[in-house]
Amino acid sequence: MYARMTTIRVRDGKFDEAIGIAKDSIAPLAKEQPGFMNLLALTDSDDGEVVLISLWETEGDLQAGEDNGYYEDQIGKLSTILDGRAMRENYTVDTLA
């Protein structure tokens, strides 16, 4: 399994809007992507930070979303409320328990 971690910081007063976009627009489209397994959000409303973690069956599935423009399109939905740039990192997931 593979994971993409995207960390964003949202402008003051835009935290709920960011969560709404992730839940109502980004998550449904993620479910349509080949190899998609799950989308998690780690949130800190006090700091306006959101960490989105998407899980993928294979590294190829994860990479396909970056190659075909899917990932950039989804981040673009948040562009007007971001405070800075989205930071993206990819990982291999090991199940420990």
Protein backbone atom coordinates (compact mmCIF):
# COMPACT_ATOMS: atom_id res chain seq x y z
CA MET A 1 0.00 0.00 0.00
CA TYR A 2 1.14 3.56 -0.71
CA ALA A 3 0.17 6.93 0.73
CA ARG A 4 0.24 10.51 -0.47
CA MET A 5 0.35 13.08 2.33
CA THR A 6 -0.65 16.62 1.44
CA THR A 7 -0.29 19.32 4.07
CA ILE A 8 -2.13 22.59 3.61
CA ARG A 9 -2.66 25.68 5.71
CA VAL A 10 -5.84 27.63 5.06
CA ARG A 11 -6.53 31.34 5.41
CA ASP A 12 -8.16 32.62 8.57
CA GLY A 13 -11.86 31.89 8.63
CA LYS A 14 -11.65 29.35 5.79
CA PHE A 15 -11.05 26.13 7.75
CA ASP A 16 -14.65 24.83 7.55
CA GLU A 17 -14.75 25.65 3.85
CA ALA A 18 -11.57 23.63 3.26
CA ILE A 19 -13.01 20.60 5.07
CA GLY A 20 -16.24 20.95 3.09
CA ILE A 21 -14.37 20.99 -0.23
CA ALA A 22 -12.35 17.94 0.78
CA LYS A 23 -15.44 16.03 1.90
CA ASP A 24 -17.93 17.06 -0.77
CA SER A 25 -15.75 17.46 -3.85
CA ILE A 26 -12.31 15.86 -3.48
CA ALA A 27 -13.31 12.63 -1.68
CA PRO A 28 -16.04 11.58 -4.16
CA LEU A 29 -13.67 11.97 -7.11
CA ALA A 30 -10.91 10.13 -5.27
CA LYS A 31 -13.22 7.12 -4.94
CA GLU A 32 -13.38 6.94 -8.75
CA GLN A 33 -9.59 6.69 -9.18
CA PRO A 34 -8.14 3.24 -9.92
CA GLY A 35 -6.48 1.74 -6.86
CA PHE A 36 -7.84 4.34 -4.42
CA MET A 37 -8.44 2.89 -0.96
CA ASN A 38 -9.18 5.69 1.51
CA LEU A 39 -8.83 9.40 2.29
CA LEU A 40 -8.09 10.62 5.80
CA ALA A 41 -7.97 14.17 7.14
CA LEU A 42 -5.89 15.17 10.15
CA THR A 43 -6.96 18.62 11.23
CA ASP A 44 -5.86 21.42 13.54
CA SER A 45 -8.49 24.13 13.36
CA ASP A 46 -6.56 26.40 15.73
CA ASP A 47 -3.63 26.58 13.30
CA GLY A 48 -5.70 26.19 10.12
CA GLU A 49 -3.71 23.13 9.11
CA VAL A 50 -5.08 20.10 7.31
CA VAL A 51 -3.14 16.97 6.45
CA LEU A 52 -4.85 14.86 3.80
CA ILE A 53 -3.64 11.27 3.52
CA SER A 54 -4.79 9.21 0.57
CA LEU A 55 -4.11 5.48 0.47
CA TRP A 56 -3.48 3.60 -2.77
CA GLU A 57 -3.14 -0.07 -3.66
CA THR A 58 0.02 0.32 -5.75
CA GLU A 59 2.69 2.89 -6.35
CA GLY A 60 1.51 3.01 -9.96
CA ASP A 61 -2.01 3.94 -8.86
CA LEU A 62 -0.65 6.75 -6.69
CA GLN A 63 1.60 8.00 -9.48
CA ALA A 64 -1.16 7.85 -12.10
CA GLY A 65 -3.09 10.57 -10.26
CA GLU A 66 -0.07 12.83 -10.46
CA ASP A 67 0.66 12.02 -14.09
CA ASN A 68 -2.89 12.52 -15.40
CA GLY A 69 -3.51 15.86 -13.64
CA TYR A 70 -6.04 14.50 -11.12
CA TYR A 71 -3.97 15.57 -8.09
CA GLU A 72 -3.36 19.13 -9.34
CA ASP A 73 -7.04 19.52 -10.23
CA GLN A 74 -8.05 18.58 -6.68
CA ILE A 75 -5.55 20.92 -5.05
CA GLY A 76 -6.78 23.62 -7.43
CA LYS A 77 -10.20 23.40 -5.76
CA LEU A 78 -8.56 24.72 -2.59
CA SER A 79 -6.41 27.38 -4.25
CA THR A 80 -8.49 30.40 -3.25
CA ILE A 81 -8.42 29.51 0.45
CA LEU A 82 -4.83 28.31 0.85
CA ASP A 83 -2.33 30.26 2.90
CA GLY A 84 0.81 29.25 1.01
CA ARG A 85 1.47 26.20 -1.10
CA ALA A 86 0.32 22.63 -0.59
CA MET A 87 3.18 20.33 0.43
CA ARG A 88 3.07 16.79 -1.02
CA GLU A 89 5.00 13.72 0.09
CA ASN A 90 4.64 10.08 -0.95
CA TYR A 91 5.22 7.08 1.31
CA THR A 92 5.17 3.30 1.42
CA VAL A 93 2.73 2.05 4.07
CA ASP A 94 3.69 -0.84 6.36
CA THR A 95 1.04 -2.36 8.61
CA LEU A 96 2.46 -2.86 12.08
CA ALA A 97 -0.53 -4.15 14.03
